[in-house]
Amino acid sequence: MPKTHTCLSKGTIRRSLAATAGFALALAAQLASAECSPMSCDNAHVLEIYTEANGNVYVQLSGTMSNLNCTLASGYLTLPATASRFKEIYTTLLAVQLSDRPLSVRINTGSPGCTISYIRSLAS
């Protein structure tokens, strides 16, 4: 069976590499702009969300979450299933993750599990 070769021009390869590099720089800029202080993470992006069988939701954000004045749950913030306005906060977290919009997250200072007090969605 004869081999089929696909030839790409140098221009096509350059455009592809330029687009990939541009995307990588934009992503790095978004992740780098997140700032976490002892009480909150601002201009952060949701990197991961997972839910346990007990209903608690765990959230990983861009930024240095170790700057927060609380004890992270294995590197994650915790939204307890018993939290006031749980459904509203969880829905907003999912929406900002899907739309890749930045948000601000305020934690309960000193809390074990680094529990979320409230969040604010920001314009992209």
PDB file of N, CA and C in Angstrom:
ATOM      1  N   MET A   1       0.849  -1.167   0.000  1.00  0.00           N
ATOM      2  CA  MET A   1       0.000   0.000   0.000  1.00  0.00           C
ATOM      3  C   MET A   1       0.899   1.236   0.000  1.00  0.00           C
ATOM      4  N   PRO A   2       0.672   2.188  -0.892  1.00  0.00           N
ATOM      5  CA  PRO A   2       1.512   3.375  -0.953  1.00  0.00           C
ATOM      6  C   PRO A   2       1.278   4.290   0.244  1.00  0.00           C
ATOM      7  N   LYS A   3       2.356   4.953   0.677  1.00  0.00           N
ATOM      8  CA  LYS A   3       2.259   5.894   1.792  1.00  0.00           C
ATOM      9  C   LYS A   3       1.683   7.209   1.287  1.00  0.00           C
ATOM     10  N   THR A   4       0.854   7.806   2.108  1.00  0.00           N
ATOM     11  CA  THR A   4       0.292   9.109   1.786  1.00  0.00           C
ATOM     12  C   THR A   4       1.006  10.150   2.633  1.00  0.00           C
ATOM     13  N   HIS A   5       1.492  11.179   2.035  1.00  0.00           N
ATOM     14  CA  HIS A   5       2.192  12.238   2.747  1.00  0.00           C
ATOM     15  C   HIS A   5       1.368  13.514   2.682  1.00  0.00           C
ATOM     16  N   THR A   6       1.336  14.190   3.782  1.00  0.00           N
ATOM     17  CA  THR A   6       0.699  15.491   3.826  1.00  0.00           C
ATOM     18  C   THR A   6       1.806  16.524   3.943  1.00  0.00           C
ATOM     19  N   CYS A   7       1.853  17.435   3.038  1.00  0.00           N
ATOM     20  CA  CYS A   7       2.875  18.473   3.064  1.00  0.00           C
ATOM     21  C   CYS A   7       2.263  19.773   3.554  1.00  0.00           C
ATOM     22  N   LEU A   8       2.877  20.347   4.525  1.00  0.00           N
ATOM     23  CA  LEU A   8       2.452  21.643   5.027  1.00  0.00           C
ATOM     24  C   LEU A   8       3.488  22.672   4.607  1.00  0.00           C
ATOM     25  N   SER A   9       3.013  23.771   4.173  1.00  0.00           N
ATOM     26  CA  SER A   9       3.950  24.821   3.784  1.00  0.00           C
ATOM     27  C   SER A   9       4.569  25.442   5.031  1.00  0.00           C
ATOM     28  N   LYS A  10       5.715  26.080   4.849  1.00  0.00           N
ATOM     29  CA  LYS A  10       6.370  26.754   5.976  1.00  0.00           C
ATOM     30  C   LYS A  10       5.463  27.834   6.551  1.00  0.00           C
ATOM     31  N   GLY A  11       4.708  28.512   5.707  1.00  0.00           N
ATOM     32  CA  GLY A  11       3.782  29.550   6.172  1.00  0.00           C
ATOM     33  C   GLY A  11       2.692  28.984   7.063  1.00  0.00           C
ATOM     34  N   THR A  12       2.155  27.819   6.692  1.00  0.00           N
ATOM     35  CA  THR A  12       1.118  27.172   7.499  1.00  0.00           C
ATOM     36  C   THR A  12       1.675  26.766   8.854  1.00  0.00           C
ATOM     37  N   ILE A  13       2.869  26.220   8.857  1.00  0.00           N
ATOM     38  CA  ILE A  13       3.495  25.804  10.116  1.00  0.00           C
ATOM     39  C   ILE A  13       3.764  27.024  10.997  1.00  0.00           C
ATOM     40  N   ARG A  14       4.268  28.091  10.409  1.00  0.00           N
ATOM     41  CA  ARG A  14       4.541  29.311  11.188  1.00  0.00           C
ATOM     42  C   ARG A  14       3.263  29.884  11.797  1.00  0.00           C
ATOM     43  N   ARG A  15       2.196  29.931  11.012  1.00  0.00           N
ATOM     44  CA  ARG A  15       0.921  30.455  11.528  1.00  0.00           C
ATOM     45  C   ARG A  15       0.405  29.584  12.669  1.00  0.00           C
ATOM     46  N   SER A  16       0.545  28.271  12.515  1.00  0.00           N
ATOM     47  CA  SER A  16       0.108  27.351  13.558  1.00  0.00           C
ATOM     48  C   SER A  16       0.910  27.556  14.835  1.00  0.00           C
ATOM     49  N   LEU A  17       2.214  27.662  14.710  1.00  0.00           N
ATOM     50  CA  LEU A  17       3.061  27.888  15.877  1.00  0.00           C
ATOM     51  C   LEU A  17       2.774  29.232  16.527  1.00  0.00           C
ATOM     52  N   ALA A  18       2.543  30.253  15.724  1.00  0.00           N
ATOM     53  CA  ALA A  18       2.239  31.579  16.263  1.00  0.00           C
ATOM     54  C   ALA A  18       0.923  31.561  17.026  1.00  0.00           C
ATOM     55  N   ALA A  19      -0.081  30.874  16.480  1.00  0.00           N
ATOM     56  CA  ALA A  19      -1.379  30.789  17.155  1.00  0.00           C
ATOM     57  C   ALA A  19      -1.245  30.036  18.474  1.00  0.00           C
ATOM     58  N   THR A  20      -0.502  28.942  18.473  1.00  0.00           N
ATOM     59  CA  THR A  20      -0.300  28.160  19.693  1.00  0.00           C
ATOM     60  C   THR A  20       0.443  28.973  20.743  1.00  0.00           C
ATOM     61  N   ALA A  21       1.482  29.680  20.330  1.00  0.00           N
ATOM     62  CA  ALA A  21       2.245  30.512  21.259  1.00  0.00           C
ATOM     63  C   ALA A  21       1.378  31.628  21.825  1.00  0.00           C
ATOM     64  N   GLY A  22       0.559  32.242  20.982  1.00  0.00           N
ATOM     65  CA  GLY A  22      -0.338  33.307  21.445  1.00  0.00           C
ATOM     66  C   GLY A  22      -1.330  32.796  22.477  1.00  0.00           C
ATOM     67  N   PHE A  23      -1.897  31.619  22.223  1.00  0.00           N
ATOM     68  CA  PHE A  23      -2.840  31.022  23.164  1.00  0.00           C
ATOM     69  C   PHE A  23      -2.144  30.731  24.491  1.00  0.00           C
ATOM     70  N   ALA A  24      -0.943  30.166  24.447  1.00  0.00           N
ATOM     71  CA  ALA A  24      -0.202  29.842  25.667  1.00  0.00           C
ATOM     72  C   ALA A  24       0.117  31.102  26.471  1.00  0.00           C
ATOM     73  N   LEU A  25       0.504  32.170  25.795  1.00  0.00           N
ATOM     74  CA  LEU A  25       0.794  33.428  26.495  1.00  0.00           C
ATOM     75  C   LEU A  25      -0.456  34.016  27.134  1.00  0.00           C
ATOM     76  N   ALA A  26      -1.583  33.962  26.423  1.00  0.00           N
ATOM     77  CA  ALA A  26      -2.835  34.486  26.978  1.00  0.00           C
ATOM     78  C   ALA A  26      -3.251  33.692  28.210  1.00  0.00           C
ATOM     79  N   LEU A  27      -3.123  32.376  28.147  1.00  0.00           N
ATOM     80  CA  LEU A  27      -3.474  31.537  29.283  1.00  0.00           C
ATOM     81  C   LEU A  27      -2.552  31.822  30.463  1.00  0.00           C
ATOM     82  N   ALA A  28      -1.270  31.931  30.219  1.00  0.00           N
ATOM     83  CA  ALA A  28      -0.301  32.220  31.286  1.00  0.00           C
ATOM     84  C   ALA A  28      -0.586  33.571  31.924  1.00  0.00           C
ATOM     85  N   ALA A  29      -0.973  34.557  31.133  1.00  0.00           N
ATOM     86  CA  ALA A  29      -1.284  35.889  31.668  1.00  0.00           C
ATOM     87  C   ALA A  29      -2.502  35.831  32.568  1.00  0.00           C
ATOM     88  N   GLN A  30      -3.516  35.052  32.183  1.00  0.00           N
ATOM     89  CA  GLN A  30      -4.714  34.932  33.013  1.00  0.00           C
ATOM     90  C   GLN A  30      -4.373  34.279  34.349  1.00  0.00           C
ATOM     91  N   LEU A  31      -3.598  33.204  34.298  1.00  0.00           N
ATOM     92  CA  LEU A  31      -3.271  32.484  35.520  1.00  0.00           C
ATOM     93  C   LEU A  31      -2.358  33.310  36.413  1.00  0.00           C
ATOM     94  N   ALA A  32      -1.458  34.052  35.823  1.00  0.00           N
ATOM     95  CA  ALA A  32      -0.505  34.830  36.599  1.00  0.00           C
ATOM     96  C   ALA A  32      -1.143  36.039  37.259  1.00  0.00           C
ATOM     97  N   SER A  33      -2.248  36.538  36.749  1.00  0.00           N
ATOM     98  CA  SER A  33      -2.840  37.755  37.280  1.00  0.00           C
ATOM     99  C   SER A  33      -3.680  37.516  38.537  1.00  0.00           C
ATOM    100  N   ALA A  34      -3.925  36.269  38.895  1.00  0.00           N
ATOM    101  CA  ALA A  34      -4.683  35.980  40.108  1.00  0.00           C
ATOM    102  C   ALA A  34      -3.844  36.333  41.329  1.00  0.00           C
ATOM    103  N   GLU A  35      -4.471  36.997  42.290  1.00  0.00           N
ATOM    104  CA  GLU A  35      -3.789  37.406  43.519  1.00  0.00           C
ATOM    105  C   GLU A  35      -4.546  36.865  44.719  1.00  0.00           C
ATOM    106  N   CYS A  36      -3.860  36.134  45.576  1.00  0.00           N
ATOM    107  CA  CYS A  36      -4.481  35.655  46.806  1.00  0.00           C
ATOM    108  C   CYS A  36      -3.829  36.357  47.991  1.00  0.00           C
ATOM    109  N   SER A  37      -4.669  36.944  48.838  1.00  0.00           N
ATOM    110  CA  SER A  37      -4.234  37.589  50.074  1.00  0.00           C
ATOM    111  C   SER A  37      -4.683  36.687  51.232  1.00  0.00           C
ATOM    112  N   PRO A  38      -4.464  37.068  52.463  1.00  0.00           N
ATOM    113  CA  PRO A  38      -4.926  36.222  53.568  1.00  0.00           C
ATOM    114  C   PRO A  38      -6.443  35.987  53.604  1.00  0.00           C
ATOM    115  N   MET A  39      -7.238  36.913  53.034  1.00  0.00           N
ATOM    116  CA  MET A  39      -8.700  36.784  53.125  1.00  0.00           C
ATOM    117  C   MET A  39      -9.402  36.385  51.836  1.00  0.00           C
ATOM    118  N   SER A  40      -8.732  36.538  50.681  1.00  0.00           N
ATOM    119  CA  SER A  40      -9.431  36.283  49.424  1.00  0.00           C
ATOM    120  C   SER A  40      -8.477  36.024  48.275  1.00  0.00           C
ATOM    121  N   CYS A  41      -9.019  35.466  47.200  1.00  0.00           N
ATOM    122  CA  CYS A  41      -8.319  35.352  45.924  1.00  0.00           C
ATOM    123  C   CYS A  41      -9.098  36.208  44.939  1.00  0.00           C
ATOM    124  N   ASP A  42      -8.401  37.134  44.283  1.00  0.00           N
ATOM    125  CA  ASP A  42      -9.037  38.053  43.347  1.00  0.00           C
ATOM    126  C   ASP A  42      -8.525  37.813  41.940  1.00  0.00           C
ATOM    127  N   ASN A  43      -9.412  37.996  40.980  1.00  0.00           N
ATOM    128  CA  ASN A  43      -9.095  37.818  39.567  1.00  0.00           C
ATOM    129  C   ASN A  43      -8.605  36.393  39.283  1.00  0.00           C
ATOM    130  N   ALA A  44      -9.186  35.433  39.989  1.00  0.00           N
ATOM    131  CA  ALA A  44      -8.790  34.029  39.868  1.00  0.00           C
ATOM    132  C   ALA A  44      -9.675  33.303  38.861  1.00  0.00           C
ATOM    133  N   HIS A  45      -9.182  32.195  38.375  1.00  0.00           N
ATOM    134  CA  HIS A  45      -9.949  31.320  37.487  1.00  0.00           C
ATOM    135  C   HIS A  45     -10.115  29.973  38.169  1.00  0.00           C
ATOM    136  N   VAL A  46     -11.259  29.349  37.962  1.00  0.00           N
ATOM    137  CA  VAL A  46     -11.522  28.029  38.527  1.00  0.00           C
ATOM    138  C   VAL A  46     -10.785  27.000  37.679  1.00  0.00           C
ATOM    139  N   LEU A  47      -9.852  26.289  38.293  1.00  0.00           N
ATOM    140  CA  LEU A  47      -9.093  25.266  37.578  1.00  0.00           C
ATOM    141  C   LEU A  47      -9.756  23.899  37.681  1.00  0.00           C
ATOM    142  N   GLU A  48     -10.362  23.618  38.846  1.00  0.00           N
ATOM    143  CA  GLU A  48     -10.976  22.309  39.047  1.00  0.00           C
ATOM    144  C   GLU A  48     -12.067  22.408  40.104  1.00  0.00           C
ATOM    145  N   ILE A  49     -13.126  21.645  39.898  1.00  0.00           N
ATOM    146  CA  ILE A  49     -14.212  21.514  40.878  1.00  0.00           C
ATOM    147  C   ILE A  49     -14.517  20.030  41.004  1.00  0.00           C
ATOM    148  N   TYR A  50     -14.633  19.550  42.236  1.00  0.00           N
ATOM    149  CA  TYR A  50     -15.152  18.185  42.401  1.00  0.00           C
ATOM    150  C   TYR A  50     -16.063  18.132  43.611  1.00  0.00           C
ATOM    151  N   THR A  51     -17.004  17.204  43.551  1.00  0.00           N
ATOM    152  CA  THR A  51     -18.013  17.050  44.593  1.00  0.00           C
ATOM    153  C   THR A  51     -17.883  15.664  45.211  1.00  0.00           C
ATOM    154  N   GLU A  52     -17.935  15.604  46.538  1.00  0.00           N
ATOM    155  CA  GLU A  52     -17.903  14.326  47.235  1.00  0.00           C
ATOM    156  C   GLU A  52     -19.325  13.843  47.502  1.00  0.00           C
ATOM    157  N   ALA A  53     -19.446  12.586  47.847  1.00  0.00           N
ATOM    158  CA  ALA A  53     -20.753  11.989  48.109  1.00  0.00           C
ATOM    159  C   ALA A  53     -21.487  12.693  49.249  1.00  0.00           C
ATOM    160  N   ASN A  54     -20.740  13.295  50.190  1.00  0.00           N
ATOM    161  CA  ASN A  54     -21.375  13.995  51.308  1.00  0.00           C
ATOM    162  C   ASN A  54     -21.947  15.353  50.888  1.00  0.00           C
ATOM    163  N   GLY A  55     -21.711  15.758  49.636  1.00  0.00           N
ATOM    164  CA  GLY A  55     -22.253  17.008  49.122  1.00  0.00           C
ATOM    165  C   GLY A  55     -21.295  18.175  49.148  1.00  0.00           C
ATOM    166  N   ASN A  56     -20.154  18.034  49.839  1.00  0.00           N
ATOM    167  CA  ASN A  56     -19.170  19.113  49.853  1.00  0.00           C
ATOM    168  C   ASN A  56     -18.542  19.274  48.477  1.00  0.00           C
ATOM    169  N   VAL A  57     -18.263  20.515  48.111  1.00  0.00           N
ATOM    170  CA  VAL A  57     -17.643  20.832  46.834  1.00  0.00           C
ATOM    171  C   VAL A  57     -16.250  21.384  47.113  1.00  0.00           C
ATOM    172  N   TYR A  58     -15.274  20.937  46.337  1.00  0.00           N
ATOM    173  CA  TYR A  58     -13.895  21.375  46.496  1.00  0.00           C
ATOM    174  C   TYR A  58     -13.465  22.102  45.229  1.00  0.00           C
ATOM    175  N   VAL A  59     -12.792  23.233  45.424  1.00  0.00           N
ATOM    176  CA  VAL A  59     -12.466  24.127  44.322  1.00  0.00           C
ATOM    177  C   VAL A  59     -10.983  24.459  44.342  1.00  0.00           C
ATOM    178  N   GLN A  60     -10.359  24.341  43.175  1.00  0.00           N
ATOM    179  CA  GLN A  60      -8.968  24.771  43.020  1.00  0.00           C
ATOM    180  C   GLN A  60      -8.964  25.983  42.102  1.00  0.00           C
ATOM    181  N   LEU A  61      -8.274  27.037  42.545  1.00  0.00           N
ATOM    182  CA  LEU A  61      -8.210  28.290  41.793  1.00  0.00           C
ATOM    183  C   LEU A  61      -6.804  28.546  41.286  1.00  0.00           C
ATOM    184  N   SER A  62      -6.711  29.395  40.271  1.00  0.00           N
ATOM    185  CA  SER A  62      -5.410  29.902  39.866  1.00  0.00           C
ATOM    186  C   SER A  62      -4.952  30.854  40.962  1.00  0.00           C
ATOM    187  N   GLY A  63      -3.685  31.106  41.046  1.00  0.00           N
ATOM    188  CA  GLY A  63      -3.167  31.976  42.096  1.00  0.00           C
ATOM    189  C   GLY A  63      -2.546  31.150  43.206  1.00  0.00           C
ATOM    190  N   THR A  64      -1.908  31.816  44.123  1.00  0.00           N
ATOM    191  CA  THR A  64      -1.216  31.145  45.220  1.00  0.00           C
ATOM    192  C   THR A  64      -2.151  31.038  46.412  1.00  0.00           C
ATOM    193  N   MET A  65      -2.915  29.964  46.448  1.00  0.00           N
ATOM    194  CA  MET A  65      -3.899  29.790  47.517  1.00  0.00           C
ATOM    195  C   MET A  65      -3.243  29.584  48.877  1.00  0.00           C
ATOM    196  N   SER A  66      -1.971  29.223  48.905  1.00  0.00           N
ATOM    197  CA  SER A  66      -1.278  29.054  50.186  1.00  0.00           C
ATOM    198  C   SER A  66      -1.129  30.378  50.930  1.00  0.00           C
ATOM    199  N   ASN A  67      -1.371  31.509  50.257  1.00  0.00           N
ATOM    200  CA  ASN A  67      -1.344  32.820  50.926  1.00  0.00           C
ATOM    201  C   ASN A  67      -2.581  33.041  51.794  1.00  0.00           C
ATOM    202  N   LEU A  68      -3.626  32.245  51.604  1.00  0.00           N
ATOM    203  CA  LEU A  68      -4.867  32.413  52.366  1.00  0.00           C
ATOM    204  C   LEU A  68      -4.660  32.041  53.825  1.00  0.00           C
ATOM    205  N   ASN A  69      -5.346  32.743  54.718  1.00  0.00           N
ATOM    206  CA  ASN A  69      -5.260  32.498  56.150  1.00  0.00           C
ATOM    207  C   ASN A  69      -6.303  31.455  56.549  1.00  0.00           C
ATOM    208  N   CYS A  70      -6.055  30.216  56.121  1.00  0.00           N
ATOM    209  CA  CYS A  70      -6.922  29.087  56.440  1.00  0.00           C
ATOM    210  C   CYS A  70      -6.157  27.823  56.096  1.00  0.00           C
ATOM    211  N   THR A  71      -6.705  26.688  56.453  1.00  0.00           N
ATOM    212  CA  THR A  71      -6.071  25.410  56.164  1.00  0.00           C
ATOM    213  C   THR A  71      -6.751  24.795  54.952  1.00  0.00           C
ATOM    214  N   LEU A  72      -6.045  24.748  53.827  1.00  0.00           N
ATOM    215  CA  LEU A  72      -6.605  24.174  52.605  1.00  0.00           C
ATOM    216  C   LEU A  72      -6.893  22.685  52.793  1.00  0.00           C
ATOM    217  N   ALA A  73      -7.906  22.202  52.109  1.00  0.00           N
ATOM    218  CA  ALA A  73      -8.254  20.783  52.121  1.00  0.00           C
ATOM    219  C   ALA A  73      -7.505  20.120  50.965  1.00  0.00           C
ATOM    220  N   SER A  74      -6.305  19.648  51.222  1.00  0.00           N
ATOM    221  CA  SER A  74      -5.459  19.024  50.188  1.00  0.00           C
ATOM    222  C   SER A  74      -5.291  19.918  48.972  1.00  0.00           C
ATOM    223  N   GLY A  75      -5.109  21.216  49.212  1.00  0.00           N
ATOM    224  CA  GLY A  75      -4.881  22.162  48.121  1.00  0.00           C
ATOM    225  C   GLY A  75      -6.143  22.763  47.539  1.00  0.00           C
ATOM    226  N   TYR A  76      -7.286  22.518  48.152  1.00  0.00           N
ATOM    227  CA  TYR A  76      -8.568  22.996  47.641  1.00  0.00           C
ATOM    228  C   TYR A  76      -9.294  23.848  48.675  1.00  0.00           C
ATOM    229  N   LEU A  77     -10.135  24.752  48.175  1.00  0.00           N
ATOM    230  CA  LEU A  77     -11.095  25.458  49.018  1.00  0.00           C
ATOM    231  C   LEU A  77     -12.303  24.548  49.174  1.00  0.00           C
ATOM    232  N   THR A  78     -13.056  24.742  50.243  1.00  0.00           N
ATOM    233  CA  THR A  78     -14.227  23.900  50.493  1.00  0.00           C
ATOM    234  C   THR A  78     -15.498  24.738  50.494  1.00  0.00           C
ATOM    235  N   LEU A  79     -16.499  24.268  49.773  1.00  0.00           N
ATOM    236  CA  LEU A  79     -17.849  24.808  49.864  1.00  0.00           C
ATOM    237  C   LEU A  79     -18.683  23.714  50.516  1.00  0.00           C
ATOM    238  N   PRO A  80     -18.919  23.837  51.852  1.00  0.00           N
ATOM    239  CA  PRO A  80     -19.669  22.787  52.544  1.00  0.00           C
ATOM    240  C   PRO A  80     -21.106  22.701  52.033  1.00  0.00           C
ATOM    241  N   ALA A  81     -21.621  21.494  51.979  1.00  0.00           N
ATOM    242  CA  ALA A  81     -23.003  21.284  51.522  1.00  0.00           C
ATOM    243  C   ALA A  81     -23.992  22.019  52.412  1.00  0.00           C
ATOM    244  N   THR A  82     -23.590  22.307  53.647  1.00  0.00           N
ATOM    245  CA  THR A  82     -24.465  22.988  54.609  1.00  0.00           C
ATOM    246  C   THR A  82     -24.337  24.511  54.552  1.00  0.00           C
ATOM    247  N   ALA A  83     -23.507  25.013  53.647  1.00  0.00           N
ATOM    248  CA  ALA A  83     -23.264  26.468  53.573  1.00  0.00           C
ATOM    249  C   ALA A  83     -24.524  27.223  53.189  1.00  0.00           C
ATOM    250  N   SER A  84     -24.671  28.388  53.794  1.00  0.00           N
ATOM    251  CA  SER A  84     -25.754  29.284  53.412  1.00  0.00           C
ATOM    252  C   SER A  84     -25.562  29.656  51.941  1.00  0.00           C
ATOM    253  N   ARG A  85     -26.624  29.618  51.164  1.00  0.00           N
ATOM    254  CA  ARG A  85     -26.586  29.959  49.726  1.00  0.00           C
ATOM    255  C   ARG A  85     -25.707  29.000  48.920  1.00  0.00           C
ATOM    256  N   PHE A  86     -25.625  27.728  49.375  1.00  0.00           N
ATOM    257  CA  PHE A  86     -24.805  26.721  48.697  1.00  0.00           C
ATOM    258  C   PHE A  86     -25.129  26.633  47.217  1.00  0.00           C
ATOM    259  N   LYS A  87     -26.400  26.487  46.877  1.00  0.00           N
ATOM    260  CA  LYS A  87     -26.793  26.297  45.469  1.00  0.00           C
ATOM    261  C   LYS A  87     -26.384  27.480  44.605  1.00  0.00           C
ATOM    262  N   GLU A  88     -26.553  28.682  45.113  1.00  0.00           N
ATOM    263  CA  GLU A  88     -26.208  29.879  44.346  1.00  0.00           C
ATOM    264  C   GLU A  88     -24.695  29.976  44.109  1.00  0.00           C
ATOM    265  N   ILE A  89     -23.919  29.688  45.159  1.00  0.00           N
ATOM    266  CA  ILE A  89     -22.467  29.752  45.029  1.00  0.00           C
ATOM    267  C   ILE A  89     -21.966  28.656  44.093  1.00  0.00           C
ATOM    268  N   TYR A  90     -22.479  27.446  44.255  1.00  0.00           N
ATOM    269  CA  TYR A  90     -22.055  26.324  43.410  1.00  0.00           C
ATOM    270  C   TYR A  90     -22.402  26.584  41.941  1.00  0.00           C
ATOM    271  N   THR A  91     -23.596  27.085  41.692  1.00  0.00           N
ATOM    272  CA  THR A  91     -24.011  27.394  40.329  1.00  0.00           C
ATOM    273  C   THR A  91     -23.105  28.458  39.709  1.00  0.00           C
ATOM    274  N   THR A  92     -22.770  29.475  40.486  1.00  0.00           N
ATOM    275  CA  THR A  92     -21.894  30.530  39.979  1.00  0.00           C
ATOM    276  C   THR A  92     -20.496  29.991  39.706  1.00  0.00           C
ATOM    277  N   LEU A  93     -19.985  29.119  40.575  1.00  0.00           N
ATOM    278  CA  LEU A  93     -18.673  28.509  40.339  1.00  0.00           C
ATOM    279  C   LEU A  93     -18.655  27.735  39.022  1.00  0.00           C
ATOM    280  N   LEU A  94     -19.701  26.957  38.780  1.00  0.00           N
ATOM    281  CA  LEU A  94     -19.776  26.194  37.528  1.00  0.00           C
ATOM    282  C   LEU A  94     -19.858  27.130  36.325  1.00  0.00           C
ATOM    283  N   ALA A  95     -20.633  28.190  36.448  1.00  0.00           N
ATOM    284  CA  ALA A  95     -20.794  29.137  35.338  1.00  0.00           C
ATOM    285  C   ALA A  95     -19.488  29.846  34.999  1.00  0.00           C
ATOM    286  N   VAL A  96     -18.754  30.290  36.026  1.00  0.00           N
ATOM    287  CA  VAL A  96     -17.496  30.994  35.740  1.00  0.00           C
ATOM    288  C   VAL A  96     -16.440  30.032  35.205  1.00  0.00           C
ATOM    289  N   GLN A  97     -16.496  28.769  35.629  1.00  0.00           N
ATOM    290  CA  GLN A  97     -15.550  27.801  35.078  1.00  0.00           C
ATOM    291  C   GLN A  97     -15.853  27.546  33.601  1.00  0.00           C
ATOM    292  N   LEU A  98     -17.113  27.344  33.274  1.00  0.00           N
ATOM    293  CA  LEU A  98     -17.489  27.077  31.879  1.00  0.00           C
ATOM    294  C   LEU A  98     -17.214  28.261  30.965  1.00  0.00           C
ATOM    295  N   SER A  99     -17.401  29.468  31.471  1.00  0.00           N
ATOM    296  CA  SER A  99     -17.199  30.663  30.649  1.00  0.00           C
ATOM    297  C   SER A  99     -15.776  31.207  30.760  1.00  0.00           C
ATOM    298  N   ASP A 100     -14.950  30.584  31.599  1.00  0.00           N
ATOM    299  CA  ASP A 100     -13.567  31.006  31.835  1.00  0.00           C
ATOM    300  C   ASP A 100     -13.490  32.473  32.248  1.00  0.00           C
ATOM    301  N   ARG A 101     -14.439  32.877  33.088  1.00  0.00           N
ATOM    302  CA  ARG A 101     -14.441  34.252  33.614  1.00  0.00           C
ATOM    303  C   ARG A 101     -13.714  34.287  34.946  1.00  0.00           C
ATOM    304  N   PRO A 102     -13.088  35.401  35.264  1.00  0.00           N
ATOM    305  CA  PRO A 102     -12.425  35.525  36.565  1.00  0.00           C
ATOM    306  C   PRO A 102     -13.444  35.763  37.679  1.00  0.00           C
ATOM    307  N   LEU A 103     -13.036  35.487  38.901  1.00  0.00           N
ATOM    308  CA  LEU A 103     -13.900  35.731  40.048  1.00  0.00           C
ATOM    309  C   LEU A 103     -13.050  36.087  41.257  1.00  0.00           C
ATOM    310  N   SER A 104     -13.717  36.610  42.259  1.00  0.00           N
ATOM    311  CA  SER A 104     -13.107  36.844  43.567  1.00  0.00           C
ATOM    312  C   SER A 104     -13.778  35.906  44.546  1.00  0.00           C
ATOM    313  N   VAL A 105     -12.979  35.279  45.380  1.00  0.00           N
ATOM    314  CA  VAL A 105     -13.490  34.338  46.382  1.00  0.00           C
ATOM    315  C   VAL A 105     -13.025  34.801  47.749  1.00  0.00           C
ATOM    316  N   ARG A 106     -13.973  34.997  48.649  1.00  0.00           N
ATOM    317  CA  ARG A 106     -13.677  35.379  50.044  1.00  0.00           C
ATOM    318  C   ARG A 106     -13.812  34.132  50.879  1.00  0.00           C
ATOM    319  N   ILE A 107     -12.825  33.886  51.742  1.00  0.00           N
ATOM    320  CA  ILE A 107     -12.874  32.697  52.600  1.00  0.00           C
ATOM    321  C   ILE A 107     -13.218  33.100  54.031  1.00  0.00           C
ATOM    322  N   ASN A 108     -13.591  32.110  54.819  1.00  0.00           N
ATOM    323  CA  ASN A 108     -13.787  32.320  56.246  1.00  0.00           C
ATOM    324  C   ASN A 108     -12.400  32.209  56.893  1.00  0.00           C
ATOM    325  N   THR A 109     -11.868  33.328  57.334  1.00  0.00           N
ATOM    326  CA  THR A 109     -10.508  33.404  57.859  1.00  0.00           C
ATOM    327  C   THR A 109     -10.294  32.393  58.985  1.00  0.00           C
ATOM    328  N   GLY A 110      -9.181  31.653  58.867  1.00  0.00           N
ATOM    329  CA  GLY A 110      -8.810  30.684  59.894  1.00  0.00           C
ATOM    330  C   GLY A 110      -9.573  29.374  59.833  1.00  0.00           C
ATOM    331  N   SER A 111     -10.421  29.192  58.863  1.00  0.00           N
ATOM    332  CA  SER A 111     -11.263  27.997  58.819  1.00  0.00           C
ATOM    333  C   SER A 111     -10.500  26.749  58.385  1.00  0.00           C
ATOM    334  N   PRO A 112     -10.798  25.609  59.039  1.00  0.00           N
ATOM    335  CA  PRO A 112     -10.246  24.349  58.555  1.00  0.00           C
ATOM    336  C   PRO A 112     -10.955  23.993  57.251  1.00  0.00           C
ATOM    337  N   GLY A 113     -10.208  23.565  56.256  1.00  0.00           N
ATOM    338  CA  GLY A 113     -10.800  23.260  54.957  1.00  0.00           C
ATOM    339  C   GLY A 113     -10.905  24.486  54.076  1.00  0.00           C
ATOM    340  N   CYS A 114     -10.540  25.644  54.618  1.00  0.00           N
ATOM    341  CA  CYS A 114     -10.568  26.896  53.855  1.00  0.00           C
ATOM    342  C   CYS A 114     -11.955  27.101  53.230  1.00  0.00           C
ATOM    343  N   THR A 115     -12.960  27.247  54.069  1.00  0.00           N
ATOM    344  CA  THR A 115     -14.330  27.332  53.570  1.00  0.00           C
ATOM    345  C   THR A 115     -14.620  28.670  52.892  1.00  0.00           C
ATOM    346  N   ILE A 116     -15.431  28.589  51.870  1.00  0.00           N
ATOM    347  CA  ILE A 116     -15.804  29.756  51.079  1.00  0.00           C
ATOM    348  C   ILE A 116     -16.914  30.514  51.780  1.00  0.00           C
ATOM    349  N   SER A 117     -16.714  31.817  51.942  1.00  0.00           N
ATOM    350  CA  SER A 117     -17.728  32.678  52.532  1.00  0.00           C
ATOM    351  C   SER A 117     -18.658  33.209  51.453  1.00  0.00           C
ATOM    352  N   TYR A 118     -18.080  33.798  50.404  1.00  0.00           N
ATOM    353  CA  TYR A 118     -18.867  34.259  49.264  1.00  0.00           C
ATOM    354  C   TYR A 118     -17.969  34.426  48.054  1.00  0.00           C
ATOM    355  N   ILE A 119     -18.573  34.551  46.880  1.00  0.00           N
ATOM    356  CA  ILE A 119     -17.821  34.757  45.647  1.00  0.00           C
ATOM    357  C   ILE A 119     -18.441  35.907  44.862  1.00  0.00           C
ATOM    358  N   ARG A 120     -17.638  36.451  43.949  1.00  0.00           N
ATOM    359  CA  ARG A 120     -18.105  37.527  43.096  1.00  0.00           C
ATOM    360  C   ARG A 120     -17.564  37.269  41.702  1.00  0.00           C
ATOM    361  N   SER A 121     -18.453  37.170  40.729  1.00  0.00           N
ATOM    362  CA  SER A 121     -18.056  36.983  39.339  1.00  0.00           C
ATOM    363  C   SER A 121     -17.618  38.324  38.775  1.00  0.00           C
ATOM    364  N   LEU A 122     -16.526  38.333  38.012  1.00  0.00           N
ATOM    365  CA  LEU A 122     -15.986  39.561  37.456  1.00  0.00           C
ATOM    366  C   LEU A 122     -16.149  39.599  35.941  1.00  0.00           C
ATOM    367  N   ALA A 123     -16.158  40.776  35.376  1.00  0.00           N
ATOM    368  CA  ALA A 123     -16.181  40.905  33.922  1.00  0.00           C
ATOM    369  C   ALA A 123     -14.871  40.358  33.380  1.00  0.00           C
ATOM    370  N   SER A 124     -14.928  39.705  32.250  1.00  0.00           N
ATOM    371  CA  SER A 124     -13.700  39.095  31.697  1.00  0.00           C
ATOM    372  C   SER A 124     -12.789  40.100  31.066  1.00  0.00           C
TER     373      SER A 124
END
